[in-house]
Protein backbone atom coordinates (compact mmCIF):
# COMPACT_ATOMS: atom_id res chain seq x y z
CA MET A 1 27.85 -38.39 26.16
CA GLU A 2 30.47 -37.64 23.50
CA ILE A 3 28.87 -40.20 21.20
CA GLU A 4 25.44 -38.57 21.57
CA ASN A 5 26.88 -35.18 20.60
CA MET A 6 28.72 -36.67 17.60
CA VAL A 7 25.55 -38.34 16.35
CA ALA A 8 23.57 -35.10 16.69
CA ASN A 9 26.28 -33.08 14.92
CA ASN A 10 26.65 -35.61 12.09
CA ALA A 11 22.89 -35.64 11.48
CA LEU A 12 22.88 -31.84 11.27
CA LEU A 13 25.90 -31.71 8.94
CA LYS A 14 24.38 -34.37 6.69
CA ALA A 15 21.15 -32.36 6.47
CA ARG A 16 23.08 -29.19 5.62
CA GLU A 17 25.03 -30.98 2.90
CA GLY A 18 21.89 -32.70 1.62
CA SER A 19 20.27 -29.35 0.88
CA THR A 20 22.71 -29.05 -2.05
CA GLY A 21 22.42 -32.67 -3.26
CA LYS A 22 20.40 -34.24 -6.07
CA ARG A 23 17.05 -33.95 -4.30
CA LYS A 24 18.26 -30.83 -2.45
CA GLY A 25 17.04 -32.09 0.92
CA ARG A 26 13.42 -32.28 -0.19
CA SER A 27 11.00 -34.97 0.87
CA ARG A 28 9.92 -37.55 -1.69
CA ARG A 29 6.49 -35.94 -1.36
CA TRP A 30 7.70 -32.39 -2.00
CA ARG A 31 5.63 -31.96 -5.17
CA GLU A 32 2.53 -33.00 -3.27
CA LEU A 33 3.33 -30.51 -0.49
CA LEU A 34 3.56 -27.73 -3.08
CA ARG A 35 0.82 -28.92 -5.42
CA PHE A 36 -0.98 -26.03 -7.16
CA PRO A 37 -4.75 -25.76 -6.73
CA HIS A 38 -6.83 -25.56 -9.89
CA ILE A 39 -7.20 -21.97 -11.02
CA SER A 40 -10.96 -22.11 -10.39
CA GLU A 41 -10.15 -22.44 -6.67
CA CYS A 42 -8.41 -19.05 -6.78
CA VAL A 43 -11.51 -16.99 -7.62
CA ASP A 44 -11.92 -15.48 -4.15
CA LEU A 45 -8.25 -14.55 -4.01
CA ALA A 46 -8.39 -13.02 -7.51
CA ASN A 47 -11.33 -10.85 -6.43
CA SER A 48 -9.81 -9.73 -3.12
CA ILE A 49 -6.09 -9.28 -3.87
CA GLU A 50 -4.90 -5.69 -4.09
CA ARG A 51 -3.90 -5.05 -7.68
CA ASP A 52 -1.03 -2.72 -6.97
CA TYR A 53 1.90 -2.78 -9.40
CA PHE A 54 4.68 -2.31 -6.86
CA SER A 55 3.24 -4.87 -4.43
CA LEU A 56 2.63 -7.56 -7.05
CA CYS A 57 5.50 -6.97 -9.48
CA ASP A 58 8.33 -5.47 -7.46
CA GLN A 59 8.08 -6.27 -3.75
CA GLN A 60 7.02 -9.93 -3.96
CA PRO A 61 9.82 -12.11 -5.40
CA ILE A 62 7.61 -14.66 -7.20
CA GLY A 63 5.34 -11.92 -8.52
CA LYS A 64 8.42 -10.07 -9.76
CA ALA A 65 9.76 -13.20 -11.47
CA LEU A 66 6.44 -13.94 -13.19
CA PHE A 67 6.00 -10.34 -14.35
CA ARG A 68 9.52 -10.57 -15.78
CA LEU A 69 8.55 -13.73 -17.70
CA HIS A 70 5.51 -11.89 -19.05
CA CYS A 71 7.70 -8.98 -20.19
CA GLN A 72 10.27 -11.27 -21.80
CA SER A 73 7.61 -12.46 -24.21
CA LYS A 74 7.36 -8.92 -25.64
CA SER A 75 10.51 -7.32 -27.11
CA LYS A 76 9.70 -3.73 -26.05
CA LEU A 77 9.04 -4.78 -22.45
CA HIS A 78 12.03 -7.09 -22.44
CA ARG A 79 14.29 -4.08 -23.07
CA CYS A 80 12.76 -2.36 -20.05
CA MET A 81 13.70 -5.37 -17.90
CA CYS A 82 17.25 -5.28 -19.28
CA LEU A 83 17.55 -1.58 -18.42
CA LEU A 84 16.34 -2.19 -14.84
CA ASP A 85 18.88 -5.01 -14.49
CA ALA A 86 21.66 -2.80 -15.84
CA MET A 87 20.81 -0.03 -13.36
CA ASP A 88 20.83 -2.57 -10.48
CA LYS A 89 24.30 -3.77 -11.52
CA TYR A 90 25.48 -0.17 -11.74
CA GLU A 91 24.63 0.33 -8.05
CA GLU A 92 26.90 -2.61 -7.17
CA THR A 93 29.78 -1.48 -9.38
CA PRO A 94 33.10 -0.44 -7.74
CA ASP A 95 33.67 3.32 -7.75
CA GLU A 96 36.49 3.20 -10.30
CA GLU A 97 34.22 1.48 -12.87
CA ARG A 98 30.99 3.40 -12.32
CA VAL A 99 31.52 6.12 -14.93
CA SER A 100 32.36 3.60 -17.66
CA ARG A 101 29.40 1.35 -16.85
CA GLY A 102 27.06 4.34 -16.58
CA ARG A 103 28.08 5.58 -20.04
CA ASN A 104 27.43 2.13 -21.49
CA ILE A 105 23.90 2.15 -20.05
CA ILE A 106 23.18 5.60 -21.49
CA GLU A 107 24.54 4.67 -24.93
CA LYS A 108 22.71 1.36 -25.09
CA TYR A 109 19.27 2.23 -23.69
CA LEU A 110 18.93 6.04 -23.82
CA THR A 111 20.41 6.86 -27.25
CA HIS A 112 18.10 6.82 -30.29
CA GLN A 113 20.78 5.37 -32.57
CA SER A 114 20.92 2.21 -30.48
CA PRO A 115 18.60 -0.71 -31.45
CA GLU A 116 18.04 -1.28 -27.71
CA CYS A 117 16.85 2.26 -27.09
CA ILE A 118 13.78 2.67 -24.86
CA LYS A 119 12.05 5.67 -26.37
CA GLN A 120 9.58 6.10 -23.52
CA VAL A 121 12.37 7.34 -21.22
CA ALA A 122 15.27 8.25 -23.56
CA ASP A 123 14.22 11.78 -24.49
CA SER A 124 13.45 12.95 -20.96
CA HIS A 125 16.31 11.30 -19.08
CA ARG A 126 19.36 10.94 -21.35
CA GLN A 127 20.70 14.42 -20.71
CA GLN A 128 19.85 14.34 -17.01
CA CYS A 129 21.63 10.99 -16.43
CA THR A 130 24.68 12.16 -18.40
CA GLU A 131 25.02 15.31 -16.28
CA LYS A 132 24.66 13.38 -13.03
CA LEU A 133 27.20 10.80 -14.15
CA GLU A 134 29.82 13.46 -14.94
CA SER A 135 29.42 14.91 -11.45
CA SER A 136 31.68 12.85 -9.17
CA LEU A 137 29.68 14.00 -6.14
CA TYR A 138 26.34 12.72 -7.47
CA LYS A 139 25.91 9.03 -6.63
CA ASP A 140 22.22 8.53 -7.44
CA VAL A 141 22.51 8.75 -11.22
CA PHE A 142 19.59 6.65 -12.50
CA SER A 143 16.94 7.08 -9.78
CA ASP A 144 14.65 9.30 -11.90
CA CYS A 145 15.14 7.08 -14.94
CA ARG A 146 14.25 3.98 -12.90
CA ARG A 147 11.09 5.69 -11.67
CA ALA A 148 10.12 6.57 -15.24
CA VAL A 149 10.52 2.95 -16.38
CA HIS A 150 8.27 1.76 -13.56
CA ASP A 151 5.73 4.47 -14.35
CA TYR A 152 5.57 3.14 -17.91
CA LEU A 153 5.34 -0.52 -16.84
CA LYS A 154 2.59 0.02 -14.27
CA ASP A 155 0.08 1.22 -16.88
CA GLU A 156 -0.78 -0.83 -19.97
CA PRO A 157 1.91 -3.56 -19.48
CA PHE A 158 0.66 -4.21 -15.95
CA ALA A 159 -2.96 -4.35 -17.12
CA ASP A 160 -1.98 -6.92 -19.77
CA TYR A 161 -0.13 -8.95 -17.13
CA LEU A 162 -3.25 -9.15 -14.95
CA GLU A 163 -5.06 -10.88 -17.83
CA SER A 164 -2.21 -13.28 -18.60
CA ILE A 165 -1.39 -16.86 -17.70
CA TYR A 166 1.49 -15.55 -15.57
CA PHE A 167 -0.78 -13.70 -13.16
CA ASP A 168 -3.00 -16.79 -12.87
CA ARG A 169 0.09 -18.80 -11.93
CA PHE A 170 0.93 -16.14 -9.34
CA LEU A 171 -2.52 -16.66 -7.78
CA GLN A 172 -1.76 -20.38 -7.52
CA TRP A 173 1.53 -19.67 -5.77
CA LYS A 174 -0.25 -17.35 -3.34
CA MET A 175 -2.75 -20.09 -2.52
CA VAL A 176 0.12 -22.49 -1.75
CA GLU A 177 1.79 -19.80 0.36
CA ARG A 178 -1.38 -19.34 2.45
CA ARG A 179 -1.84 -22.99 3.37
CA PRO A 180 -1.76 -23.75 7.12
CA ILE A 181 1.68 -24.58 8.52
CA THR A 182 2.24 -27.41 11.00
CA LYS A 183 5.25 -29.17 12.51
CA ASP A 184 4.83 -31.92 9.89
CA LEU A 185 6.38 -29.59 7.29
CA PHE A 186 9.76 -29.79 9.06
CA ARG A 187 12.39 -32.34 10.00
CA GLU A 188 13.94 -31.54 13.38
CA TYR A 189 17.64 -31.79 14.26
CA ARG A 190 19.85 -30.98 17.23
CA MET A 191 19.29 -28.24 19.76
CA LEU A 192 21.36 -25.13 19.03
CA GLY A 193 20.67 -23.21 22.22
CA LYS A 194 17.85 -21.86 24.31
CA GLY A 195 15.93 -18.66 24.70
CA GLY A 196 13.89 -17.19 27.53
CA PHE A 197 10.81 -19.33 26.86
CA GLY A 198 12.19 -22.49 25.26
CA GLU A 199 14.81 -24.15 23.11
CA VAL A 200 16.15 -23.32 19.65
CA CYS A 201 16.81 -26.21 17.28
CA ALA A 202 17.74 -26.71 13.63
CA VAL A 203 14.95 -27.76 11.26
CA GLN A 204 14.65 -28.46 7.53
CA SER A 205 11.66 -27.81 5.28
CA ARG A 206 10.44 -31.05 3.70
CA ALA A 207 9.01 -29.06 0.78
CA SER A 208 12.15 -27.17 -0.28
CA GLY A 209 15.03 -28.67 1.72
CA LYS A 210 16.01 -25.27 3.17
CA MET A 211 17.53 -25.27 6.66
CA TYR A 212 16.19 -22.99 9.39
CA ALA A 213 16.42 -22.35 13.12
CA CYS A 214 13.18 -22.99 15.02
CA LYS A 215 12.69 -20.97 18.18
CA LYS A 216 10.12 -22.71 20.37
CA LEU A 217 8.21 -20.72 22.98
CA GLU A 218 6.63 -23.14 25.45
CA LYS A 219 3.00 -22.12 25.93
CA LYS A 220 2.89 -22.87 29.65
CA ARG A 221 6.18 -21.07 30.30
CA VAL A 222 4.99 -18.02 28.34
CA LYS A 223 1.73 -17.95 30.31
CA LYS A 224 3.42 -18.46 33.68
CA ARG A 225 5.80 -15.55 33.08
CA ARG A 226 3.06 -13.42 31.48
CA GLY A 227 5.17 -13.17 28.37
CA GLU A 228 2.37 -13.04 25.80
CA PHE A 229 3.10 -9.42 24.89
CA LEU A 230 6.85 -10.04 24.50
CA ALA A 231 6.30 -13.13 22.34
CA LEU A 232 3.78 -11.44 20.05
CA ASN A 233 5.85 -8.24 19.93
CA GLU A 234 8.95 -10.16 18.77
CA LYS A 235 6.96 -11.96 16.09
CA GLN A 236 5.37 -8.75 14.79
CA ILE A 237 8.69 -6.87 14.70
CA LEU A 238 10.33 -9.75 12.82
CA GLU A 239 7.54 -9.50 10.24
CA MET A 240 8.44 -5.83 9.70
CA VAL A 241 12.12 -6.53 9.08
CA ASN A 242 13.66 -7.44 5.73
CA SER A 243 17.42 -6.92 5.91
CA ARG A 244 20.49 -9.01 5.13
CA PHE A 245 21.85 -7.84 8.51
CA VAL A 246 18.93 -9.00 10.71
CA VAL A 247 17.60 -12.56 11.03
CA GLY A 248 14.38 -13.06 9.07
CA LEU A 249 11.13 -14.79 10.00
CA THR A 250 9.73 -17.22 7.41
CA TYR A 251 7.06 -19.17 9.33
CA ALA A 252 5.07 -18.76 12.55
CA TYR A 253 2.93 -21.67 13.72
CA GLU A 254 1.84 -23.51 16.85
CA THR A 255 1.92 -27.05 18.17
CA LYS A 256 0.03 -28.50 21.11
CA ASP A 257 2.71 -27.31 23.55
CA ALA A 258 4.65 -24.51 21.83
CA LEU A 259 4.59 -21.43 19.64
CA CYS A 260 7.24 -21.70 16.93
CA LEU A 261 9.20 -19.04 15.04
CA VAL A 262 11.12 -20.41 12.03
CA LEU A 263 14.08 -18.11 11.47
CA THR A 264 17.21 -17.73 9.36
CA LEU A 265 19.72 -20.46 10.29
CA MET A 266 23.19 -19.05 10.99
CA ASN A 267 25.65 -21.93 10.86
CA GLY A 268 28.73 -19.92 11.87
CA GLY A 269 27.85 -19.55 15.56
CA ASP A 270 27.62 -16.36 17.61
CA LEU A 271 30.31 -13.75 18.21
CA LYS A 272 30.66 -14.73 21.88
CA PHE A 273 31.75 -18.22 20.78
CA HIS A 274 34.31 -16.73 18.38
CA ILE A 275 35.63 -14.19 20.88
CA TYR A 276 36.21 -16.69 23.70
CA ASN A 277 36.45 -20.17 22.14
CA MET A 278 38.65 -19.72 19.06
CA GLY A 279 42.09 -19.16 20.55
CA LEU A 280 43.05 -16.13 22.62
CA PRO A 281 40.11 -13.92 23.69
CA GLY A 282 39.28 -11.20 21.20
CA LEU A 283 39.25 -10.85 17.42
CA SER A 284 41.57 -9.34 14.83
CA SER A 285 41.12 -5.64 14.03
CA GLU A 286 40.00 -6.57 10.49
CA ARG A 287 37.18 -8.76 11.79
CA VAL A 288 36.20 -6.22 14.45
CA LYS A 289 35.83 -3.49 11.83
CA PHE A 290 33.88 -5.71 9.40
CA TYR A 291 31.42 -7.04 12.00
CA ALA A 292 30.91 -3.57 13.51
CA ALA A 293 30.13 -2.17 10.04
CA GLU A 294 27.51 -4.87 9.34
CA VAL A 295 25.95 -4.42 12.80
CA CYS A 296 25.78 -0.68 12.09
CA CYS A 297 23.87 -1.43 8.86
CA GLY A 298 21.50 -3.72 10.76
CA LEU A 299 20.80 -1.05 13.37
CA GLU A 300 20.25 1.51 10.60
CA HIS A 301 17.59 -0.74 9.04
CA LEU A 302 15.81 -1.16 12.39
CA HIS A 303 15.99 2.55 13.19
CA ARG A 304 14.48 3.44 9.80
CA LYS A 305 11.44 1.46 10.91
CA SER A 306 11.43 3.23 14.31
CA ILE A 307 12.60 0.05 16.07
CA VAL A 308 15.09 0.29 18.95
CA TYR A 309 16.85 -3.05 19.54
CA ARG A 310 17.99 -2.69 23.19
CA ASP A 311 19.91 -5.97 23.57
CA LEU A 312 23.12 -5.67 21.56
CA LYS A 313 25.73 -8.16 22.84
CA PRO A 314 28.06 -10.76 21.27
CA GLU A 315 25.77 -13.78 21.78
CA ASN A 316 23.03 -12.03 19.77
CA ILE A 317 25.26 -11.49 16.72
CA LEU A 318 25.35 -14.61 14.52
CA LEU A 319 27.57 -15.62 11.58
CA ASP A 320 26.32 -17.31 8.41
CA ASP A 321 28.13 -19.84 6.19
CA ASP A 322 30.10 -17.12 4.37
CA GLY A 323 31.08 -15.11 7.45
CA HIS A 324 28.50 -12.31 7.25
CA ILE A 325 26.63 -11.43 10.45
CA ARG A 326 23.02 -10.84 11.40
CA ILE A 327 21.43 -9.36 14.51
CA SER A 328 19.21 -11.94 16.25
CA ASP A 329 16.81 -12.26 19.19
CA LEU A 330 14.48 -9.27 18.90
CA GLY A 331 12.56 -10.20 22.06
CA LEU A 332 13.36 -6.89 23.78
CA ALA A 333 13.04 -4.69 20.68
CA VAL A 334 10.26 -2.12 20.63
CA THR A 335 8.70 0.27 18.14
CA LEU A 336 9.15 3.83 19.30
CA PRO A 337 6.08 6.05 19.77
CA LYS A 338 5.73 9.37 17.98
CA ASN A 339 7.88 11.22 20.54
CA GLY A 340 10.74 8.80 19.80
CA GLN A 341 11.31 7.85 23.44
CA VAL A 342 10.59 4.84 25.63
CA HIS A 343 11.58 4.02 29.18
CA GLY A 344 12.30 0.87 31.16
CA ARG A 345 15.30 -1.01 32.55
CA VAL A 346 15.46 -3.42 29.62
CA GLY A 347 18.54 -5.28 28.38
CA THR A 348 21.46 -7.34 29.67
CA VAL A 349 23.48 -6.31 32.73
CA GLY A 350 26.76 -4.74 31.65
CA TYR A 351 25.48 -3.79 28.20
CA MET A 352 22.63 -1.43 29.14
CA ALA A 353 23.29 2.26 28.53
CA PRO A 354 23.49 4.62 31.56
CA GLU A 355 20.12 6.20 30.73
CA VAL A 356 18.54 2.72 30.63
CA VAL A 357 20.12 1.75 33.95
CA LYS A 358 18.69 4.96 35.46
CA ASN A 359 15.27 4.14 33.96
CA LYS A 360 15.21 7.37 32.00
CA GLU A 361 13.49 7.88 28.66
CA HIS A 362 15.67 6.81 25.75
CA GLY A 363 15.56 6.13 22.03
CA PHE A 364 18.19 4.92 19.56
CA SER A 365 20.94 6.09 21.93
CA ALA A 366 20.78 2.74 23.75
CA ASP A 367 21.73 0.89 20.55
CA TRP A 368 24.76 3.07 19.82
CA TRP A 369 25.98 2.46 23.36
CA GLY A 370 25.55 -1.26 22.70
CA LEU A 371 27.65 -0.97 19.52
CA GLY A 372 30.41 0.66 21.60
CA CYS A 373 30.29 -2.24 24.09
CA LEU A 374 30.45 -4.73 21.21
CA ILE A 375 33.45 -3.12 19.50
CA TYR A 376 35.23 -2.91 22.88
CA GLU A 377 34.62 -6.58 23.73
CA MET A 378 35.62 -7.84 20.27
CA THR A 379 38.87 -5.85 20.55
CA GLU A 380 39.80 -6.38 24.20
CA GLY A 381 38.41 -9.88 24.73
CA SER A 382 36.27 -8.78 27.70
CA PRO A 383 33.30 -6.43 28.24
CA PRO A 384 34.10 -2.79 29.08
CA PHE A 385 32.66 -2.79 32.61
CA ARG A 386 33.30 -6.30 33.93
CA GLY A 387 35.88 -9.01 33.37
CA HIS A 388 34.95 -12.12 31.40
CA LYS A 389 33.45 -14.62 33.89
CA GLU A 390 33.98 -12.09 36.72
CA ARG A 391 31.60 -12.69 39.64
CA ILE A 392 30.20 -9.34 40.57
CA ASP A 393 26.96 -8.00 41.97
CA ARG A 394 24.51 -6.40 39.54
CA LYS A 395 24.51 -3.12 41.44
CA ASP A 396 28.30 -2.89 41.21
CA VAL A 397 28.19 -3.45 37.44
CA GLU A 398 25.55 -0.76 37.03
CA LYS A 399 27.62 1.63 39.16
CA ARG A 400 30.59 1.06 36.86
CA VAL A 401 28.39 1.69 33.81
CA THR A 402 27.09 5.00 35.14
CA GLU A 403 30.25 6.29 36.84
CA ALA A 404 33.46 4.46 35.88
CA GLN A 405 35.60 5.18 32.82
CA GLU A 406 36.44 2.22 30.61
CA ARG A 407 40.13 1.34 30.21
CA TYR A 408 41.93 0.93 26.90
CA GLY A 409 44.80 -1.53 26.61
CA PHE A 410 47.44 -2.16 23.96
CA ARG A 411 44.93 -3.91 21.66
CA PHE A 412 43.24 -0.60 20.82
CA ASP A 413 44.67 1.44 17.98
CA THR A 414 43.81 5.12 17.60
CA GLY A 415 40.66 4.49 15.53
CA ALA A 416 39.26 1.76 17.80
CA LYS A 417 39.83 3.82 20.94
CA ALA A 418 38.30 6.92 19.38
CA ILE A 419 35.07 5.25 18.24
CA CYS A 420 34.61 3.33 21.50
CA SER A 421 35.10 6.41 23.65
CA GLN A 422 32.56 8.34 21.55
CA LEU A 423 29.99 5.53 21.50
CA LEU A 424 30.43 4.96 25.26
CA ALA A 425 29.88 8.59 26.23
CA LYS A 426 27.79 8.62 29.43
CA ASP A 427 25.65 11.53 28.21
CA PRO A 428 23.53 10.42 25.23
CA CYS A 429 23.54 14.00 23.92
CA GLU A 430 27.30 13.68 23.40
CA ARG A 431 27.27 10.08 22.10
CA LEU A 432 28.25 9.24 18.53
CA GLY A 433 25.11 8.49 16.51
CA CYS A 434 22.91 10.67 18.72
CA VAL A 435 24.24 14.10 17.80
CA SER A 436 23.04 14.50 14.21
CA ASP A 437 22.43 11.84 11.56
CA GLY A 438 22.39 8.54 13.46
CA ALA A 439 23.88 5.70 11.41
CA VAL A 440 25.23 8.11 8.78
CA GLU A 441 27.26 9.81 11.50
CA VAL A 442 28.61 6.49 12.82
CA LYS A 443 29.45 5.17 9.33
CA GLY A 444 31.36 8.37 8.62
CA HIS A 445 33.74 7.86 11.57
CA PRO A 446 37.43 7.42 10.56
CA PHE A 447 37.34 3.92 12.13
CA PHE A 448 35.32 2.81 9.07
CA ALA A 449 37.47 4.65 6.50
CA ASP A 450 38.40 1.36 4.78
CA ILE A 451 34.78 0.13 4.51
CA ASN A 452 32.83 0.77 1.30
CA PHE A 453 29.34 0.71 2.78
CA ARG A 454 27.61 0.71 -0.61
CA ILE A 455 29.38 -2.53 -1.58
CA LEU A 456 28.90 -3.90 1.96
CA GLU A 457 25.14 -3.27 1.89
CA ALA A 458 24.92 -5.09 -1.45
CA GLY A 459 26.53 -8.15 0.19
CA MET A 460 29.53 -7.97 -2.13
CA LEU A 461 32.28 -7.22 0.40
CA LYS A 462 34.20 -10.40 1.20
CA PRO A 463 34.25 -11.26 4.94
CA PRO A 464 37.70 -11.57 6.56
CA PHE A 465 36.76 -14.94 8.11
CA LYS A 466 34.73 -17.84 6.70
CA PRO A 467 33.43 -20.51 9.12
CA ASP A 468 34.40 -24.14 8.53
CA ALA A 469 31.51 -25.84 6.68
CA ARG A 470 32.24 -29.10 8.54
CA ALA A 471 32.11 -27.55 12.02
CA VAL A 472 29.17 -27.01 14.37
CA TYR A 473 29.75 -23.71 16.15
CA CYS A 474 27.66 -24.19 19.28
CA GLN A 475 27.78 -25.90 22.64
CA ASP A 476 27.63 -29.68 22.93
CA VAL A 477 24.07 -30.95 23.12
CA LEU A 478 24.41 -32.10 26.73
CA ASP A 479 26.10 -28.83 27.82
CA ILE A 480 22.99 -26.80 26.94
CA GLU A 481 21.00 -26.46 30.12
CA GLN A 482 17.59 -28.11 29.93
CA PHE A 483 14.38 -26.39 30.97
CA SER A 484 12.51 -27.85 33.90
CA THR A 485 8.87 -28.88 33.51
CA THR A 486 6.46 -25.98 33.96
CA ARG A 487 3.93 -26.89 36.63
CA GLY A 488 0.80 -25.25 37.97
CA VAL A 489 -0.28 -23.72 34.63
CA ARG A 490 -3.35 -24.74 32.64
CA LEU A 491 -4.04 -23.71 29.08
CA ASP A 492 -7.68 -22.92 28.28
CA VAL A 493 -9.90 -21.29 25.66
CA THR A 494 -8.97 -17.80 26.87
CA ASP A 495 -5.51 -18.32 25.38
CA GLU A 496 -6.80 -19.11 21.89
CA ASP A 497 -7.10 -15.47 20.82
CA PHE A 498 -3.38 -14.94 21.51
CA TYR A 499 -2.44 -18.16 19.71
CA GLY A 500 -4.54 -17.11 16.72
CA LYS A 501 -2.60 -13.84 16.40
CA PHE A 502 0.67 -15.78 16.58
CA ASN A 503 -0.18 -18.70 14.26
CA THR A 504 -0.16 -16.86 10.91
CA GLY A 505 1.76 -19.38 8.78
CA ALA A 506 4.23 -18.38 6.06
CA CYS A 507 5.59 -14.83 5.72
CA SER A 508 5.12 -13.77 2.13
CA VAL A 509 8.49 -12.36 0.97
CA PRO A 510 10.80 -14.80 2.86
CA TRP A 511 8.68 -17.78 1.75
CA GLN A 512 8.77 -16.69 -1.89
CA ASN A 513 12.53 -16.17 -1.62
CA GLU A 514 12.82 -19.72 -0.27
CA MET A 515 10.90 -21.12 -3.25
CA ILE A 516 13.19 -19.28 -5.69
CA GLU A 517 16.47 -19.90 -3.85
CA MET A 518 15.83 -23.65 -3.47
CA GLU A 519 14.72 -23.87 -7.14
CA CYS A 520 11.18 -25.04 -6.35
CA PHE A 521 9.91 -22.13 -8.44
CA LYS A 522 12.10 -23.23 -11.36
CA ASP A 523 11.07 -26.90 -11.09
CA LEU A 524 7.33 -26.28 -10.74
CA ASN A 525 6.76 -23.17 -12.82
CA ILE A 526 6.57 -24.95 -16.20
CA LEU A 527 4.53 -22.89 -18.65
CA ASP A 528 3.94 -23.16 -22.38
CA HIS A 529 5.31 -19.92 -23.84
CA ARG A 530 3.15 -20.45 -26.96
CA GLY A 531 0.16 -19.44 -24.91
CA GLN A 532 -1.33 -22.89 -24.30
CA ARG A 533 -2.75 -23.23 -20.82
CA PRO A 534 -2.01 -26.41 -18.84
CA PRO A 535 -5.09 -28.14 -17.34
CA ASP A 536 -4.62 -26.60 -13.88
CA LEU A 537 -4.71 -23.09 -15.42
CA ASP A 538 -7.65 -23.66 -17.77
CA TRP A 539 -10.68 -21.79 -16.47
CA ASP A 540 -13.00 -23.85 -18.70
CA LEU A 541 -11.94 -27.24 -17.32
CA THR A 542 -13.56 -28.71 -14.26
CA PRO A 543 -10.87 -29.68 -11.73
CA GLU A 544 -10.44 -33.40 -11.15
CA PRO A 545 -11.64 -34.55 -7.72
CA LYS A 546 -8.79 -35.01 -5.28
CA PRO A 547 -8.04 -38.68 -4.58
CA ARG A 548 -9.11 -39.63 -1.09
CA PRO A 549 -6.15 -40.98 0.88
CA LEU A 550 -6.53 -44.57 2.04
CA GLN A 551 -7.11 -44.35 5.75
CA ARG A 552 -4.98 -46.52 7.97
CA HIS A 553 -7.86 -48.30 9.69
CA ARG A 554 -9.38 -49.32 6.32
CA LEU A 555 -6.07 -50.83 5.24
CA LEU A 556 -5.78 -52.72 8.54
CA ARG A 557 -9.31 -54.09 8.20
CA ARG A 558 -8.48 -55.43 4.73
CA ILE A 559 -5.37 -57.15 6.06
CA PHE A 560 -7.23 -58.78 8.95
CA ARG A 561 -10.18 -59.76 6.72
CA ARG A 562 -7.81 -61.51 4.33
CA HIS A 563 -6.11 -63.17 7.28
CA ASN A 564 -9.44 -64.42 8.68
CA SER A 565 -10.60 -65.82 5.31
CA ASN A 566 -7.67 -68.23 5.30
CA LYS A 567 -8.71 -69.85 8.56
CA SER A 568 -9.91 -73.43 8.66
CA GLU A 569 -13.62 -74.18 8.16
CA SER A 570 -13.72 -76.14 11.40
CA GLY A 571 -15.00 -74.24 14.41
CA LYS A 572 -16.02 -71.43 12.12
CA GLU A 573 -18.57 -69.68 14.32
CA GLU A 574 -16.37 -69.68 17.38
CA GLY A 575 -13.27 -68.91 15.35
CA ASP A 576 -14.90 -66.03 13.46
CA SER A 577 -16.08 -64.49 16.68
CA THR A 578 -12.65 -64.79 18.26
CA ASN A 579 -10.82 -63.51 15.17
CA SER A 580 -13.22 -60.62 14.76
CA GLN A 581 -12.71 -59.58 18.37
CA SER A 582 -8.94 -59.99 18.03
CA SER A 583 -8.91 -57.93 14.83
CA GLU A 584 -10.83 -55.08 16.40
CA GLU A 585 -8.42 -55.00 19.36
CA LEU A 586 -5.41 -54.94 17.02
CA ILE A 587 -6.93 -52.11 14.99
CA ARG A 588 -7.58 -50.04 18.11
CA THR A 589 -3.99 -50.65 19.24
CA ALA A 590 -2.56 -49.62 15.86
CA LEU A 591 -4.59 -46.43 15.81
């Protein structure tokens, strides 16, 4: 059993390391998997795609990169790109350096004496940006200037881009992005855990070499438990989310037996593993504060999209290679209606808020209660209303949640005790995060006084703990409980409508980020900057017919025909008949 686990772990580690090697974990056929169609095959897409500047040139990573290449070929537009980059870097600059960097931007791009001056925005925004910069209370210095640059770019420069070779290449990338996704695109590795409807395993894209986690929802199990709404709801909510603090969805596809969600792979394990399996129960105050701050940012992102998470607990908070966290498993999340309230006893026993336990209407209050439970458990090394591994009836736990007061031991300093007691207030009207400004109120608590949230949200704050790159932070393969076979359920044509809504292939922004991050964009996006179009982008050239792959049965027939021709002339009629029959049987067996 130990050997089986070692083999599974070594295969996974080798795959993770291979994604940074010479071929970067890609298949030998990766160019074929990402082969561009001829531009003439993109006519329908070119006619139907929405030609919106912000969608094509700002929100989509490959579109943004190609528009940038177009602008770099023109000096005036290139300066606009440099200004946008400088303003982005300003937002990530430490507070003590912001005034100096801001002045440099104004002098370089908004002053007429500078050769880099952008006249389209200099006159109207130089004075305004200078005044904002001198005001220590005003953080958003260049927002109006940024908007003015985009307003300039979205007119004539954008129109020129739509007629350029760069936009045609974008259409080719979009065609590749929209190809059907099947299990053949991925290599599969060890099981990482299991969800409510199936297992979760590590996979690797053969096209790019990027590692992912694949959450498989067994079709029969979903149907037996009537979980179609939950499965589709999780997939649709994941499509809405784009945050460094929440796991992302890159692919959704189906196999004969399962519906598959391909998600961000978090190699550092979950917080439950770190709380209880890495020495004494609990975490250091530095780690508690850092993880709580990133979870707060993740909840803020969900709440901005009117999504209440409802299942905050340590096993749903995952660490990446660098030690940053993401919220995972959005199976119980829901989009709030216009009145901002839902009801239902939804969540995990011991972590559900009192109003949820009582089946009362609730909104974001349930998530702030969950954050209180999380901070408490990370600090104390046990949940607030039950001991770790304590055997207790569900009703008794719920009674403690609604009536009992949590206890604070020596591990809690003043700040930790204060924020937990305010987040774990029984009355949601008195709970931190529910009184006024939600996440802003929580982030302003003295517990987070040492956290620079602006730097944290940019991903530039160094985590206090970095997972070991050579470790696999999950249970042994054989310790993960296996699902039993689902019996008594038949799949039929009535299920196809649901599968069609689920099987939507690649998600645009995450897929384009994958192509850029894994350098597929760099390796394939070879263009002649002198304006010469390669054959696949030449509208006047007829595309070459695609070579038909040699089918296996044709190859086998050739082999057997050659084998039969070498037989002796004697007994030819009988021998030919026997060989022919034998060949046909072998072919059927091979197929």
